[in-house]
């Protein structure tokens, strides 16, 4: 069961989604405009938000930017629209939306997207609850098993030093804490998708299954990141 906020200026849409999600055991709050959404976001702290793009006072993308700017985008957000363009959907996912549903929304797509959103929110909560330990800083491409070379807790390290993360197959992803959050996240996501595309020989179907994304959302995400599946498949 999750607390879900539905934001849509159409009463029929609000009532329908509220009924469907309520039957699934979720607690649903509804807002007809951005101001009500702000108030409910502050009061209820929902686990998931279904946010319409086209609203009369403030559109959904602007509200999403506002939450992202103010550090309030702490829950998964699924955008909804019957008239949005691909560019609008891409912009929303770039800002931080988890998914995009085109109206009229099929029951199957709605429930699948909601379940993915709830699962993603639970994953983020679990990660946030894990105590943060001092990172292991590497200035070369080799990891040392000698504990005497590992940094000690409580010691500050220069944020300009690149941080290397090693995956299970010993491939490295290197970035810097000096990067703005969005650029650091894009760099990680680019490496993440390139890794899976390489492993799956460029198969979008298998990558979508492995990453838990719908193919449409995956295509948009790759386009946004500048990742070309065809070129990666040839390299593999």
C-alpha atoms as a PDB file:
ATOM      1  CA  UNK A   1       0.000   0.000   0.000  1.00  0.00           C
ATOM      2  CA  UNK A   2       1.286   3.453  -0.865  1.00  0.00           C
ATOM      3  CA  UNK A   3       0.192   7.060  -0.458  1.00  0.00           C
ATOM      4  CA  UNK A   4      -0.393   8.410  -3.958  1.00  0.00           C
ATOM      5  CA  UNK A   5      -1.128  11.981  -5.028  1.00  0.00           C
ATOM      6  CA  UNK A   6      -3.067  12.444  -8.274  1.00  0.00           C
ATOM      7  CA  UNK A   7      -2.816  15.934  -9.801  1.00  0.00           C
ATOM      8  CA  UNK A   8      -5.156  16.645 -12.726  1.00  0.00           C
ATOM      9  CA  UNK A   9      -7.529  19.497 -13.557  1.00  0.00           C
ATOM     10  CA  UNK A  10     -10.121  17.082 -14.978  1.00  0.00           C
ATOM     11  CA  UNK A  11     -12.455  15.833 -12.261  1.00  0.00           C
ATOM     12  CA  UNK A  12     -13.312  12.691 -14.222  1.00  0.00           C
ATOM     13  CA  UNK A  13      -9.640  11.697 -14.459  1.00  0.00           C
ATOM     14  CA  UNK A  14      -9.097  12.330 -10.739  1.00  0.00           C
ATOM     15  CA  UNK A  15     -12.118  10.256  -9.773  1.00  0.00           C
ATOM     16  CA  UNK A  16     -11.254   7.397 -12.128  1.00  0.00           C
ATOM     17  CA  UNK A  17      -7.613   7.133 -11.026  1.00  0.00           C
ATOM     18  CA  UNK A  18      -8.615   7.469  -7.386  1.00  0.00           C
ATOM     19  CA  UNK A  19     -11.110   4.610  -7.749  1.00  0.00           C
ATOM     20  CA  UNK A  20      -8.683   2.325  -9.608  1.00  0.00           C
ATOM     21  CA  UNK A  21      -5.771   2.921  -7.244  1.00  0.00           C
ATOM     22  CA  UNK A  22      -8.047   2.721  -4.200  1.00  0.00           C
ATOM     23  CA  UNK A  23      -9.209  -0.717  -5.354  1.00  0.00           C
ATOM     24  CA  UNK A  24      -5.529  -1.726  -5.474  1.00  0.00           C
ATOM     25  CA  UNK A  25      -5.230  -0.897  -1.782  1.00  0.00           C
ATOM     26  CA  UNK A  26      -3.512   2.497  -2.082  1.00  0.00           C
ATOM     27  CA  UNK A  27      -4.416   5.672  -0.200  1.00  0.00           C
ATOM     28  CA  UNK A  28      -5.135   8.358  -2.790  1.00  0.00           C
ATOM     29  CA  UNK A  29      -5.248  12.143  -2.432  1.00  0.00           C
ATOM     30  CA  UNK A  30      -6.277  14.346  -5.353  1.00  0.00           C
ATOM     31  CA  UNK A  31      -5.466  17.903  -6.422  1.00  0.00           C
ATOM     32  CA  UNK A  32      -7.023  19.867  -9.274  1.00  0.00           C
ATOM     33  CA  UNK A  33      -4.211  22.403  -9.660  1.00  0.00           C
ATOM     34  CA  UNK A  34      -0.592  23.104  -8.787  1.00  0.00           C
ATOM     35  CA  UNK A  35      -1.384  25.064  -5.616  1.00  0.00           C
ATOM     36  CA  UNK A  36      -3.376  22.193  -4.138  1.00  0.00           C
ATOM     37  CA  UNK A  37      -0.591  19.828  -5.185  1.00  0.00           C
ATOM     38  CA  UNK A  38       1.987  21.963  -3.326  1.00  0.00           C
ATOM     39  CA  UNK A  39      -0.129  21.913  -0.172  1.00  0.00           C
ATOM     40  CA  UNK A  40      -0.762  18.160  -0.299  1.00  0.00           C
ATOM     41  CA  UNK A  41       2.891  17.461  -1.114  1.00  0.00           C
ATOM     42  CA  UNK A  42       3.913  19.376   2.007  1.00  0.00           C
ATOM     43  CA  UNK A  43       1.248  17.861   4.256  1.00  0.00           C
ATOM     44  CA  UNK A  44       1.081  14.228   3.140  1.00  0.00           C
ATOM     45  CA  UNK A  45       4.569  13.539   1.715  1.00  0.00           C
ATOM     46  CA  UNK A  46       3.261  11.042  -0.878  1.00  0.00           C
ATOM     47  CA  UNK A  47       5.140   7.921  -1.952  1.00  0.00           C
ATOM     48  CA  UNK A  48       4.253   8.603  -5.597  1.00  0.00           C
ATOM     49  CA  UNK A  49       2.767  11.450  -7.652  1.00  0.00           C
ATOM     50  CA  UNK A  50       0.765  11.184 -10.877  1.00  0.00           C
ATOM     51  CA  UNK A  51       1.104  14.651 -12.405  1.00  0.00           C
ATOM     52  CA  UNK A  52      -0.796  16.029 -15.390  1.00  0.00           C
ATOM     53  CA  UNK A  53       1.219  18.267 -17.704  1.00  0.00           C
ATOM     54  CA  UNK A  54      -1.473  20.640 -18.918  1.00  0.00           C
ATOM     55  CA  UNK A  55      -3.159  22.532 -16.064  1.00  0.00           C
ATOM     56  CA  UNK A  56      -4.679  26.032 -16.081  1.00  0.00           C
ATOM     57  CA  UNK A  57      -2.622  27.783 -13.385  1.00  0.00           C
ATOM     58  CA  UNK A  58       0.815  26.179 -13.432  1.00  0.00           C
ATOM     59  CA  UNK A  59       1.640  23.335 -15.813  1.00  0.00           C
ATOM     60  CA  UNK A  60       3.022  20.037 -14.552  1.00  0.00           C
ATOM     61  CA  UNK A  61       6.527  20.489 -16.000  1.00  0.00           C
ATOM     62  CA  UNK A  62       6.883  23.865 -14.252  1.00  0.00           C
ATOM     63  CA  UNK A  63       5.725  22.327 -10.955  1.00  0.00           C
ATOM     64  CA  UNK A  64       8.180  19.464 -11.438  1.00  0.00           C
ATOM     65  CA  UNK A  65      11.010  21.994 -11.985  1.00  0.00           C
ATOM     66  CA  UNK A  66       9.918  23.832  -8.847  1.00  0.00           C
ATOM     67  CA  UNK A  67      10.052  20.670  -6.733  1.00  0.00           C
ATOM     68  CA  UNK A  68      13.422  19.748  -8.206  1.00  0.00           C
ATOM     69  CA  UNK A  69      14.811  23.237  -7.555  1.00  0.00           C
ATOM     70  CA  UNK A  70      13.590  23.309  -3.956  1.00  0.00           C
ATOM     71  CA  UNK A  71      14.795  19.788  -3.103  1.00  0.00           C
ATOM     72  CA  UNK A  72      11.228  18.474  -2.851  1.00  0.00           C
ATOM     73  CA  UNK A  73      11.514  15.909  -5.639  1.00  0.00           C
ATOM     74  CA  UNK A  74      12.035  13.132  -3.111  1.00  0.00           C
ATOM     75  CA  UNK A  75       9.312  10.853  -4.498  1.00  0.00           C
ATOM     76  CA  UNK A  76       8.856   9.261  -7.930  1.00  0.00           C
ATOM     77  CA  UNK A  77       6.719  11.354 -10.293  1.00  0.00           C
ATOM     78  CA  UNK A  78       4.843   9.950 -13.288  1.00  0.00           C
ATOM     79  CA  UNK A  79       3.765  12.552 -15.836  1.00  0.00           C
ATOM     80  CA  UNK A  80       0.444  12.281 -17.703  1.00  0.00           C
ATOM     81  CA  UNK A  81      -0.819  14.050 -20.822  1.00  0.00           C
ATOM     82  CA  UNK A  82      -2.988  13.589 -23.851  1.00  0.00           C
ATOM     83  CA  UNK A  83      -1.365  16.343 -25.890  1.00  0.00           C
ATOM     84  CA  UNK A  84       2.320  16.443 -24.922  1.00  0.00           C
ATOM     85  CA  UNK A  85       5.035  16.147 -27.522  1.00  0.00           C
ATOM     86  CA  UNK A  86       8.045  13.841 -27.338  1.00  0.00           C
ATOM     87  CA  UNK A  87      10.191  16.875 -26.481  1.00  0.00           C
ATOM     88  CA  UNK A  88       7.966  17.638 -23.490  1.00  0.00           C
ATOM     89  CA  UNK A  89       8.218  14.038 -22.283  1.00  0.00           C
ATOM     90  CA  UNK A  90      11.996  14.088 -22.685  1.00  0.00           C
ATOM     91  CA  UNK A  91      12.238  17.363 -20.766  1.00  0.00           C
ATOM     92  CA  UNK A  92      10.144  15.942 -17.928  1.00  0.00           C
ATOM     93  CA  UNK A  93      12.339  12.841 -17.611  1.00  0.00           C
ATOM     94  CA  UNK A  94      15.446  15.031 -17.755  1.00  0.00           C
ATOM     95  CA  UNK A  95      14.163  17.072 -14.842  1.00  0.00           C
ATOM     96  CA  UNK A  96      13.506  13.941 -12.828  1.00  0.00           C
ATOM     97  CA  UNK A  97      10.175  12.359 -13.800  1.00  0.00           C
ATOM     98  CA  UNK A  98      10.280   8.568 -13.616  1.00  0.00           C
ATOM     99  CA  UNK A  99       7.849   7.834 -16.424  1.00  0.00           C
ATOM    100  CA  UNK A 100       5.356   9.332 -18.841  1.00  0.00           C
ATOM    101  CA  UNK A 101       1.840   8.045 -19.531  1.00  0.00           C
ATOM    102  CA  UNK A 102      -0.115   9.154 -22.568  1.00  0.00           C
ATOM    103  CA  UNK A 103      -3.870   9.664 -22.195  1.00  0.00           C
ATOM    104  CA  UNK A 104      -6.130   7.818 -22.501  1.00  0.00           C
ATOM    105  CA  UNK A 105      -4.174   5.631 -20.079  1.00  0.00           C
ATOM    106  CA  UNK A 106      -4.735   1.894 -20.288  1.00  0.00           C
ATOM    107  CA  UNK A 107      -5.313   0.090 -16.993  1.00  0.00           C
ATOM    108  CA  UNK A 108      -2.375  -2.249 -17.607  1.00  0.00           C
ATOM    109  CA  UNK A 109       0.094   0.590 -18.284  1.00  0.00           C
ATOM    110  CA  UNK A 110      -1.179   2.573 -15.305  1.00  0.00           C
ATOM    111  CA  UNK A 111      -0.791  -0.268 -12.812  1.00  0.00           C
ATOM    112  CA  UNK A 112       2.604  -1.261 -14.197  1.00  0.00           C
ATOM    113  CA  UNK A 113       3.930   2.311 -14.020  1.00  0.00           C
ATOM    114  CA  UNK A 114       2.565   2.780 -10.497  1.00  0.00           C
ATOM    115  CA  UNK A 115       4.172  -0.451  -9.302  1.00  0.00           C
ATOM    116  CA  UNK A 116       7.503   0.550 -10.853  1.00  0.00           C
ATOM    117  CA  UNK A 117       7.247   3.950  -9.200  1.00  0.00           C
ATOM    118  CA  UNK A 118       6.510   2.489  -5.776  1.00  0.00           C
ATOM    119  CA  UNK A 119       9.365  -0.003  -6.133  1.00  0.00           C
ATOM    120  CA  UNK A 120      11.764   2.764  -7.177  1.00  0.00           C
ATOM    121  CA  UNK A 121      10.724   4.867  -4.194  1.00  0.00           C
ATOM    122  CA  UNK A 122      11.317   1.933  -1.833  1.00  0.00           C
ATOM    123  CA  UNK A 123      14.766   1.350  -3.347  1.00  0.00           C
ATOM    124  CA  UNK A 124      15.702   4.995  -2.818  1.00  0.00           C
ATOM    125  CA  UNK A 125      14.473   4.829   0.796  1.00  0.00           C
ATOM    126  CA  UNK A 126      16.527   1.709   1.470  1.00  0.00           C
ATOM    127  CA  UNK A 127      19.659   3.284   0.009  1.00  0.00           C
ATOM    128  CA  UNK A 128      19.086   6.469   2.006  1.00  0.00           C
ATOM    129  CA  UNK A 129      18.882   4.443   5.234  1.00  0.00           C
ATOM    130  CA  UNK A 130      22.300   2.808   4.685  1.00  0.00           C
ATOM    131  CA  UNK A 131      25.050   4.541   6.724  1.00  0.00           C
ATOM    132  CA  UNK A 132      27.397   6.505   4.483  1.00  0.00           C
ATOM    133  CA  UNK A 133      31.018   5.387   4.622  1.00  0.00           C
ATOM    134  CA  UNK A 134      34.091   7.213   3.404  1.00  0.00           C
ATOM    135  CA  UNK A 135      34.669   6.515  -0.304  1.00  0.00           C
ATOM    136  CA  UNK A 136      37.753   4.708  -1.574  1.00  0.00           C
ATOM    137  CA  UNK A 137      39.643   7.154  -3.762  1.00  0.00           C
ATOM    138  CA  UNK A 138      41.688   5.808  -6.660  1.00  0.00           C
ATOM    139  CA  UNK A 139      44.168   7.781  -8.708  1.00  0.00           C
ATOM    140  CA  UNK A 140      44.812   4.905 -11.118  1.00  0.00           C
ATOM    141  CA  UNK A 141      42.849   2.057 -12.650  1.00  0.00           C
ATOM    142  CA  UNK A 142      43.810  -0.581 -10.074  1.00  0.00           C
ATOM    143  CA  UNK A 143      42.114  -1.429  -6.811  1.00  0.00           C
ATOM    144  CA  UNK A 144      44.311  -2.386  -3.898  1.00  0.00           C
ATOM    145  CA  UNK A 145      43.248  -5.047  -1.417  1.00  0.00           C
ATOM    146  CA  UNK A 146      45.666  -3.583   1.122  1.00  0.00           C
ATOM    147  CA  UNK A 147      43.494  -1.961   3.782  1.00  0.00           C
ATOM    148  CA  UNK A 148      46.345   0.352   4.793  1.00  0.00           C
ATOM    149  CA  UNK A 149      45.769   2.272   1.553  1.00  0.00           C
ATOM    150  CA  UNK A 150      42.041   2.791   2.167  1.00  0.00           C
ATOM    151  CA  UNK A 151      40.852   6.149   3.563  1.00  0.00           C
ATOM    152  CA  UNK A 152      39.861   6.319   7.214  1.00  0.00           C
ATOM    153  CA  UNK A 153      36.446   7.441   8.426  1.00  0.00           C
ATOM    154  CA  UNK A 154      36.343  11.048   9.575  1.00  0.00           C
ATOM    155  CA  UNK A 155      39.071  12.266   7.219  1.00  0.00           C
ATOM    156  CA  UNK A 156      38.071  14.811   4.579  1.00  0.00           C
ATOM    157  CA  UNK A 157      39.192  14.225   0.997  1.00  0.00           C
ATOM    158  CA  UNK A 158      39.412  16.789  -1.822  1.00  0.00           C
ATOM    159  CA  UNK A 159      36.129  16.848  -3.721  1.00  0.00           C
ATOM    160  CA  UNK A 160      37.986  17.521  -6.953  1.00  0.00           C
ATOM    161  CA  UNK A 161      39.555  14.044  -6.869  1.00  0.00           C
ATOM    162  CA  UNK A 162      37.814  11.727  -9.338  1.00  0.00           C
ATOM    163  CA  UNK A 163      35.920   8.867  -7.737  1.00  0.00           C
ATOM    164  CA  UNK A 164      36.071   5.452  -9.396  1.00  0.00           C
ATOM    165  CA  UNK A 165      33.291   2.942  -8.894  1.00  0.00           C
ATOM    166  CA  UNK A 166      33.933  -0.674  -9.843  1.00  0.00           C
ATOM    167  CA  UNK A 167      31.181  -2.923 -11.147  1.00  0.00           C
ATOM    168  CA  UNK A 168      31.053  -6.695 -10.754  1.00  0.00           C
ATOM    169  CA  UNK A 169      32.802  -7.188 -14.103  1.00  0.00           C
ATOM    170  CA  UNK A 170      35.668  -4.841 -13.052  1.00  0.00           C
ATOM    171  CA  UNK A 171      34.698  -2.063 -15.454  1.00  0.00           C
ATOM    172  CA  UNK A 172      35.243   1.427 -14.091  1.00  0.00           C
ATOM    173  CA  UNK A 173      33.113   4.532 -14.105  1.00  0.00           C
ATOM    174  CA  UNK A 174      34.941   7.703 -13.107  1.00  0.00           C
ATOM    175  CA  UNK A 175      33.442  11.054 -12.220  1.00  0.00           C
ATOM    176  CA  UNK A 176      34.120  14.010  -9.922  1.00  0.00           C
ATOM    177  CA  UNK A 177      32.253  15.392  -6.939  1.00  0.00           C
ATOM    178  CA  UNK A 178      32.903  18.844  -8.422  1.00  0.00           C
ATOM    179  CA  UNK A 179      30.309  18.251 -11.156  1.00  0.00           C
ATOM    180  CA  UNK A 180      26.801  19.679 -10.722  1.00  0.00           C
ATOM    181  CA  UNK A 181      24.370  16.987  -9.548  1.00  0.00           C
ATOM    182  CA  UNK A 182      22.541  16.763 -12.874  1.00  0.00           C
ATOM    183  CA  UNK A 183      25.767  16.326 -14.873  1.00  0.00           C
ATOM    184  CA  UNK A 184      27.084  13.708 -12.437  1.00  0.00           C
ATOM    185  CA  UNK A 185      23.786  11.829 -12.631  1.00  0.00           C
ATOM    186  CA  UNK A 186      23.750  11.996 -16.438  1.00  0.00           C
ATOM    187  CA  UNK A 187      27.333  10.702 -16.550  1.00  0.00           C
ATOM    188  CA  UNK A 188      26.443   7.763 -14.335  1.00  0.00           C
ATOM    189  CA  UNK A 189      23.255   6.966 -16.277  1.00  0.00           C
ATOM    190  CA  UNK A 190      25.147   7.140 -19.566  1.00  0.00           C
ATOM    191  CA  UNK A 191      27.732   4.645 -18.290  1.00  0.00           C
ATOM    192  CA  UNK A 192      24.967   2.490 -16.800  1.00  0.00           C
ATOM    193  CA  UNK A 193      23.008   2.175 -20.056  1.00  0.00           C
ATOM    194  CA  UNK A 194      26.119   1.743 -22.202  1.00  0.00           C
ATOM    195  CA  UNK A 195      27.179  -1.109 -19.917  1.00  0.00           C
ATOM    196  CA  UNK A 196      23.836  -2.929 -20.258  1.00  0.00           C
ATOM    197  CA  UNK A 197      23.598  -2.267 -24.003  1.00  0.00           C
ATOM    198  CA  UNK A 198      27.052  -3.752 -24.434  1.00  0.00           C
ATOM    199  CA  UNK A 199      26.150  -6.804 -22.372  1.00  0.00           C
ATOM    200  CA  UNK A 200      22.920  -7.373 -24.298  1.00  0.00           C
ATOM    201  CA  UNK A 201      24.393  -6.750 -27.747  1.00  0.00           C
ATOM    202  CA  UNK A 202      22.324  -3.601 -28.243  1.00  0.00           C
ATOM    203  CA  UNK A 203      18.975  -5.389 -27.700  1.00  0.00           C
ATOM    204  CA  UNK A 204      16.534  -2.720 -26.519  1.00  0.00           C
ATOM    205  CA  UNK A 205      14.028  -5.370 -25.406  1.00  0.00           C
ATOM    206  CA  UNK A 206      16.489  -7.121 -23.100  1.00  0.00           C
ATOM    207  CA  UNK A 207      17.898  -3.840 -21.774  1.00  0.00           C
ATOM    208  CA  UNK A 208      14.358  -2.599 -21.032  1.00  0.00           C
ATOM    209  CA  UNK A 209      13.646  -5.794 -19.089  1.00  0.00           C
ATOM    210  CA  UNK A 210      16.948  -5.640 -17.185  1.00  0.00           C
ATOM    211  CA  UNK A 211      16.647  -1.957 -16.246  1.00  0.00           C
ATOM    212  CA  UNK A 212      12.919  -2.089 -15.492  1.00  0.00           C
ATOM    213  CA  UNK A 213      11.985   0.610 -18.024  1.00  0.00           C
ATOM    214  CA  UNK A 214       9.347   0.601 -20.714  1.00  0.00           C
ATOM    215  CA  UNK A 215      10.850   0.607 -24.213  1.00  0.00           C
ATOM    216  CA  UNK A 216       9.363   4.037 -24.988  1.00  0.00           C
ATOM    217  CA  UNK A 217      10.857   5.540 -21.841  1.00  0.00           C
ATOM    218  CA  UNK A 218      14.169   3.779 -22.545  1.00  0.00           C
ATOM    219  CA  UNK A 219      14.345   5.260 -26.066  1.00  0.00           C
ATOM    220  CA  UNK A 220      13.659   8.732 -24.665  1.00  0.00           C
ATOM    221  CA  UNK A 221      16.248   8.323 -21.942  1.00  0.00           C
ATOM    222  CA  UNK A 222      18.944   7.153 -24.388  1.00  0.00           C
ATOM    223  CA  UNK A 223      18.157  10.039 -26.752  1.00  0.00           C
ATOM    224  CA  UNK A 224      18.380  12.479 -23.868  1.00  0.00           C
ATOM    225  CA  UNK A 225      21.767  11.069 -22.794  1.00  0.00           C
ATOM    226  CA  UNK A 226      23.141  10.906 -26.348  1.00  0.00           C
ATOM    227  CA  UNK A 227      23.616   7.131 -26.202  1.00  0.00           C
ATOM    228  CA  UNK A 228      23.460   5.368 -29.596  1.00  0.00           C
ATOM    229  CA  UNK A 229      22.556   1.663 -29.177  1.00  0.00           C
ATOM    230  CA  UNK A 230      23.650   0.778 -32.743  1.00  0.00           C
ATOM    231  CA  UNK A 231      27.205   1.989 -32.232  1.00  0.00           C
ATOM    232  CA  UNK A 232      27.508   0.221 -28.875  1.00  0.00           C
ATOM    233  CA  UNK A 233      26.217  -3.030 -30.385  1.00  0.00           C
ATOM    234  CA  UNK A 234      28.925  -2.841 -33.108  1.00  0.00           C
ATOM    235  CA  UNK A 235      31.609  -2.284 -30.474  1.00  0.00           C
ATOM    236  CA  UNK A 236      30.365  -5.314 -28.547  1.00  0.00           C
END
